[in-house]
C-alpha cells in the first residue's frame, strides 16, 4: 500500500509532524516495496487553500492512505471523497514510529 506520512524532514527517521496541511514534508512510502519518496510541502508558505492543494498533491501520487495527527475538515472531506482513508497518530516520535503504530491498528 502506498501511504503518506506527515513529517518534519525527508526520511523515516525524521520527526513525525502532527499537522497535515502545514507539514514541511510528505513522506510517500510503499509498504510492499519499501520505496520512499520525500516531497517538500510547498503549500506551507501559502495562506489560501493549503489543505485542498495538499490533497491534490496526494491524489496525483496515487496514495492509498494518509497518516497524520490533525487534519482540517475540508482536507478530510476531500480525502474521504477521493476514497483515501485517514489514520490518526496521536503519539510522538519519528515517521517510522507513526508508520509502525498505525500498521498494528
N, C-alpha and C. Protein backbone atom coordinates (compact mmCIF):
# COMPACT_ATOMS: atom_id res chain seq x y z
N UNK A 1 0.85 -1.17 0.00
CA UNK A 1 0.00 0.00 0.00
C UNK A 1 0.90 1.24 0.00
N UNK A 2 0.52 2.23 -0.76
CA UNK A 2 1.27 3.48 -0.81
C UNK A 2 0.62 4.47 0.15
N UNK A 3 1.37 4.87 1.18
CA UNK A 3 0.84 5.77 2.21
C UNK A 3 1.63 7.07 2.26
N UNK A 4 0.99 8.08 2.80
CA UNK A 4 1.64 9.37 3.03
C UNK A 4 1.69 9.60 4.53
N UNK A 5 2.88 9.92 5.03
CA UNK A 5 3.04 10.23 6.44
C UNK A 5 3.53 11.67 6.53
N UNK A 6 2.91 12.48 7.36
CA UNK A 6 3.34 13.87 7.53
C UNK A 6 4.61 13.91 8.38
N UNK A 7 5.58 14.72 7.95
CA UNK A 7 6.89 14.68 8.59
C UNK A 7 7.53 16.06 8.67
N UNK A 8 8.49 16.18 9.58
CA UNK A 8 9.27 17.40 9.71
C UNK A 8 10.53 17.36 8.85
N UNK A 9 10.86 16.21 8.31
CA UNK A 9 12.05 16.06 7.47
C UNK A 9 11.83 14.99 6.42
N UNK A 10 12.86 14.69 5.61
CA UNK A 10 12.69 13.85 4.43
C UNK A 10 12.96 12.34 4.59
N UNK A 11 13.01 11.82 5.83
CA UNK A 11 13.34 10.40 5.98
C UNK A 11 12.43 9.72 7.00
N UNK A 12 12.52 8.40 7.06
CA UNK A 12 11.76 7.64 8.06
C UNK A 12 12.19 7.98 9.48
N UNK A 13 13.42 8.45 9.63
CA UNK A 13 13.94 8.81 10.96
C UNK A 13 13.59 10.25 11.34
N UNK A 14 12.98 10.99 10.44
CA UNK A 14 12.56 12.37 10.74
C UNK A 14 11.43 12.37 11.76
N UNK A 15 11.30 13.47 12.48
CA UNK A 15 10.21 13.61 13.44
C UNK A 15 8.86 13.64 12.72
N UNK A 16 7.90 12.95 13.30
CA UNK A 16 6.54 12.96 12.79
C UNK A 16 5.94 14.34 12.99
N UNK A 17 5.19 14.82 12.01
CA UNK A 17 4.52 16.12 12.08
C UNK A 17 3.03 15.89 12.27
N UNK A 18 2.45 16.51 13.28
CA UNK A 18 1.04 16.31 13.59
C UNK A 18 0.08 17.09 12.71
N UNK A 19 0.52 18.14 12.07
CA UNK A 19 -0.38 18.98 11.27
C UNK A 19 -0.30 18.60 9.79
N UNK A 20 -1.42 18.18 9.23
CA UNK A 20 -1.44 17.69 7.86
C UNK A 20 -0.99 18.75 6.86
N UNK A 21 -1.78 19.78 6.66
CA UNK A 21 -1.50 20.75 5.60
C UNK A 21 -0.25 21.58 5.86
N UNK A 22 0.14 21.74 7.11
CA UNK A 22 1.32 22.54 7.46
C UNK A 22 2.59 21.69 7.63
N UNK A 23 2.51 20.42 7.32
CA UNK A 23 3.69 19.55 7.44
C UNK A 23 4.77 20.00 6.46
N UNK A 24 6.01 20.14 6.91
CA UNK A 24 7.08 20.54 5.99
C UNK A 24 7.34 19.51 4.88
N UNK A 25 7.10 18.23 5.19
CA UNK A 25 7.31 17.17 4.21
C UNK A 25 6.17 16.18 4.23
N UNK A 26 5.94 15.58 3.06
CA UNK A 26 5.09 14.41 2.94
C UNK A 26 6.00 13.26 2.56
N UNK A 27 5.97 12.21 3.36
CA UNK A 27 6.75 11.02 3.05
C UNK A 27 5.80 10.04 2.36
N UNK A 28 6.10 9.70 1.11
CA UNK A 28 5.32 8.72 0.38
C UNK A 28 6.06 7.40 0.51
N UNK A 29 5.42 6.43 1.14
CA UNK A 29 6.08 5.17 1.45
C UNK A 29 5.24 4.01 0.94
N UNK A 30 5.87 3.13 0.19
CA UNK A 30 5.19 1.94 -0.32
C UNK A 30 5.47 0.79 0.64
N UNK A 31 4.47 0.32 1.33
CA UNK A 31 4.66 -0.72 2.34
C UNK A 31 5.01 -2.07 1.71
N UNK A 32 4.73 -2.26 0.43
CA UNK A 32 5.07 -3.53 -0.24
C UNK A 32 6.53 -3.57 -0.67
N UNK A 33 7.02 -2.45 -1.18
CA UNK A 33 8.39 -2.43 -1.74
C UNK A 33 9.41 -1.76 -0.84
N UNK A 34 8.94 -0.95 0.12
CA UNK A 34 9.86 -0.20 0.98
C UNK A 34 10.39 1.06 0.32
N UNK A 35 9.88 1.40 -0.88
CA UNK A 35 10.32 2.60 -1.60
C UNK A 35 9.79 3.85 -0.89
N UNK A 36 10.66 4.82 -0.74
CA UNK A 36 10.31 6.07 -0.06
C UNK A 36 10.59 7.24 -0.99
N UNK A 37 9.65 8.16 -1.05
CA UNK A 37 9.83 9.44 -1.74
C UNK A 37 9.44 10.53 -0.76
N UNK A 38 10.32 11.49 -0.58
CA UNK A 38 10.01 12.62 0.30
C UNK A 38 9.72 13.83 -0.58
N UNK A 39 8.61 14.48 -0.31
CA UNK A 39 8.20 15.64 -1.08
C UNK A 39 8.07 16.82 -0.13
N UNK A 40 8.80 17.89 -0.43
CA UNK A 40 8.67 19.10 0.38
C UNK A 40 7.31 19.71 0.10
N UNK A 41 6.62 20.10 1.16
CA UNK A 41 5.29 20.70 1.04
C UNK A 41 5.44 22.19 0.74
N UNK A 42 5.35 22.54 -0.51
CA UNK A 42 5.47 23.92 -0.93
C UNK A 42 4.27 24.78 -0.59
N UNK A 43 3.17 24.15 -0.18
CA UNK A 43 1.96 24.90 0.14
C UNK A 43 2.00 25.50 1.53
N UNK A 44 2.99 25.11 2.33
CA UNK A 44 3.12 25.58 3.71
C UNK A 44 3.23 27.10 3.79
N UNK A 45 3.82 27.72 2.80
CA UNK A 45 4.02 29.17 2.82
C UNK A 45 2.81 29.95 2.34
N UNK A 46 1.81 29.26 1.87
CA UNK A 46 0.61 29.89 1.36
C UNK A 46 -0.41 30.10 2.47
N UNK A 47 -1.30 31.05 2.26
CA UNK A 47 -2.39 31.26 3.21
C UNK A 47 -3.73 30.81 2.66
N UNK A 48 -3.76 30.39 1.41
CA UNK A 48 -5.02 30.04 0.78
C UNK A 48 -5.02 28.59 0.28
N UNK A 49 -6.09 27.89 0.57
CA UNK A 49 -6.33 26.54 0.07
C UNK A 49 -5.19 25.58 0.32
N UNK A 50 -4.56 25.68 1.48
CA UNK A 50 -3.42 24.81 1.79
C UNK A 50 -3.85 23.35 1.79
N UNK A 51 -4.91 23.05 2.53
CA UNK A 51 -5.39 21.67 2.61
C UNK A 51 -5.82 21.13 1.27
N UNK A 52 -6.54 21.93 0.49
CA UNK A 52 -7.00 21.49 -0.83
C UNK A 52 -5.83 21.18 -1.75
N UNK A 53 -4.83 22.04 -1.74
CA UNK A 53 -3.67 21.82 -2.60
C UNK A 53 -2.87 20.61 -2.15
N UNK A 54 -2.76 20.40 -0.85
CA UNK A 54 -2.05 19.22 -0.35
C UNK A 54 -2.78 17.94 -0.77
N UNK A 55 -4.09 17.94 -0.70
CA UNK A 55 -4.87 16.77 -1.11
C UNK A 55 -4.67 16.50 -2.60
N UNK A 56 -4.67 17.54 -3.42
CA UNK A 56 -4.42 17.37 -4.86
C UNK A 56 -3.08 16.70 -5.10
N UNK A 57 -2.06 17.14 -4.37
CA UNK A 57 -0.73 16.56 -4.50
C UNK A 57 -0.75 15.06 -4.16
N UNK A 58 -1.44 14.69 -3.10
CA UNK A 58 -1.52 13.30 -2.71
C UNK A 58 -2.27 12.47 -3.74
N UNK A 59 -3.36 12.99 -4.25
CA UNK A 59 -4.14 12.27 -5.26
C UNK A 59 -3.33 12.05 -6.52
N UNK A 60 -2.52 13.04 -6.91
CA UNK A 60 -1.69 12.92 -8.12
C UNK A 60 -0.64 11.83 -7.97
N UNK A 61 -0.28 11.49 -6.74
CA UNK A 61 0.75 10.49 -6.49
C UNK A 61 0.18 9.11 -6.17
N UNK A 62 -1.10 8.93 -6.35
CA UNK A 62 -1.72 7.62 -6.21
C UNK A 62 -1.67 7.03 -4.81
N UNK A 63 -1.79 7.87 -3.80
CA UNK A 63 -1.71 7.38 -2.43
C UNK A 63 -2.98 6.66 -2.03
N UNK A 64 -2.81 5.66 -1.16
CA UNK A 64 -3.94 4.84 -0.72
C UNK A 64 -4.35 5.12 0.72
N UNK A 65 -3.54 5.85 1.48
CA UNK A 65 -3.86 6.18 2.87
C UNK A 65 -2.97 7.32 3.34
N UNK A 66 -3.43 8.02 4.38
CA UNK A 66 -2.69 9.14 4.97
C UNK A 66 -2.55 8.88 6.47
N UNK A 67 -1.34 9.12 6.99
CA UNK A 67 -1.10 9.05 8.43
C UNK A 67 -0.69 10.44 8.87
N UNK A 68 -1.49 11.03 9.74
CA UNK A 68 -1.23 12.37 10.24
C UNK A 68 -1.77 12.47 11.67
N UNK A 69 -1.55 13.61 12.29
CA UNK A 69 -2.04 13.81 13.65
C UNK A 69 -3.33 14.60 13.71
N UNK A 70 -3.37 15.67 12.93
CA UNK A 70 -4.55 16.54 12.88
C UNK A 70 -4.78 16.93 11.43
N UNK A 71 -6.05 17.04 11.07
CA UNK A 71 -6.38 17.41 9.70
C UNK A 71 -7.64 18.26 9.72
N UNK A 72 -7.65 19.31 8.92
CA UNK A 72 -8.81 20.18 8.84
C UNK A 72 -9.99 19.49 8.19
N UNK A 73 -11.15 20.01 8.48
CA UNK A 73 -12.39 19.41 7.98
C UNK A 73 -12.46 19.37 6.46
N UNK A 74 -12.06 20.46 5.79
CA UNK A 74 -12.11 20.48 4.32
C UNK A 74 -11.19 19.44 3.71
N UNK A 75 -9.95 19.38 4.20
CA UNK A 75 -8.99 18.40 3.67
C UNK A 75 -9.46 16.98 3.95
N UNK A 76 -10.00 16.75 5.15
CA UNK A 76 -10.50 15.42 5.49
C UNK A 76 -11.65 15.01 4.57
N UNK A 77 -12.55 15.94 4.31
CA UNK A 77 -13.67 15.65 3.41
C UNK A 77 -13.19 15.34 2.00
N UNK A 78 -12.19 16.09 1.53
CA UNK A 78 -11.65 15.84 0.18
C UNK A 78 -10.98 14.47 0.10
N UNK A 79 -10.23 14.11 1.12
CA UNK A 79 -9.59 12.79 1.13
C UNK A 79 -10.63 11.68 1.18
N UNK A 80 -11.62 11.84 2.03
CA UNK A 80 -12.68 10.83 2.12
C UNK A 80 -13.42 10.71 0.80
N UNK A 81 -13.69 11.84 0.15
CA UNK A 81 -14.35 11.84 -1.15
C UNK A 81 -13.54 11.14 -2.23
N UNK A 82 -12.22 11.17 -2.07
CA UNK A 82 -11.32 10.50 -3.03
C UNK A 82 -11.08 9.04 -2.65
N UNK A 83 -11.69 8.61 -1.54
CA UNK A 83 -11.52 7.22 -1.11
C UNK A 83 -10.18 6.95 -0.45
N UNK A 84 -9.55 7.98 0.09
CA UNK A 84 -8.25 7.83 0.75
C UNK A 84 -8.48 7.86 2.27
N UNK A 85 -8.29 6.72 2.95
CA UNK A 85 -8.50 6.70 4.40
C UNK A 85 -7.46 7.51 5.16
N UNK A 86 -7.88 8.05 6.29
CA UNK A 86 -7.02 8.85 7.15
C UNK A 86 -6.80 8.08 8.46
N UNK A 87 -5.54 7.89 8.81
CA UNK A 87 -5.18 7.25 10.07
C UNK A 87 -4.57 8.32 10.96
N UNK A 88 -5.13 8.49 12.13
CA UNK A 88 -4.64 9.50 13.07
C UNK A 88 -3.64 8.86 14.03
N UNK A 89 -2.46 9.45 14.10
CA UNK A 89 -1.42 9.03 15.05
C UNK A 89 -1.28 10.14 16.07
N UNK A 90 -1.58 9.84 17.32
CA UNK A 90 -1.53 10.88 18.34
C UNK A 90 -0.27 10.82 19.19
N UNK A 91 0.60 9.87 18.89
CA UNK A 91 1.83 9.73 19.65
C UNK A 91 2.90 10.69 19.17
N UNK A 92 4.08 10.51 19.72
CA UNK A 92 5.23 11.30 19.31
C UNK A 92 6.28 10.34 18.78
N UNK A 93 7.28 10.90 18.14
CA UNK A 93 8.37 10.07 17.64
C UNK A 93 8.67 10.36 16.19
N UNK A 94 9.14 9.35 15.51
CA UNK A 94 9.57 9.50 14.13
C UNK A 94 8.47 9.08 13.17
N UNK A 95 8.72 9.32 11.90
CA UNK A 95 7.83 8.86 10.84
C UNK A 95 7.69 7.34 10.93
N UNK A 96 8.82 6.67 11.16
CA UNK A 96 8.83 5.22 11.28
C UNK A 96 7.94 4.76 12.44
N UNK A 97 7.97 5.48 13.57
CA UNK A 97 7.11 5.16 14.71
C UNK A 97 5.64 5.27 14.34
N UNK A 98 5.28 6.34 13.65
CA UNK A 98 3.89 6.55 13.24
C UNK A 98 3.45 5.45 12.28
N UNK A 99 4.32 5.10 11.35
CA UNK A 99 4.00 4.05 10.39
C UNK A 99 3.80 2.72 11.10
N UNK A 100 4.68 2.40 12.03
CA UNK A 100 4.57 1.14 12.77
C UNK A 100 3.34 1.08 13.65
N UNK A 101 3.01 2.18 14.30
CA UNK A 101 1.86 2.21 15.19
C UNK A 101 0.54 2.07 14.43
N UNK A 102 0.45 2.69 13.28
CA UNK A 102 -0.81 2.62 12.53
C UNK A 102 -0.93 1.30 11.78
N UNK A 103 0.19 0.64 11.50
CA UNK A 103 0.15 -0.66 10.83
C UNK A 103 -0.40 -1.73 11.75
N UNK A 104 -0.30 -1.53 13.06
CA UNK A 104 -0.78 -2.52 14.02
C UNK A 104 -2.20 -2.25 14.49
N UNK A 105 -2.81 -1.18 14.01
CA UNK A 105 -4.19 -0.86 14.43
C UNK A 105 -5.18 -1.84 13.84
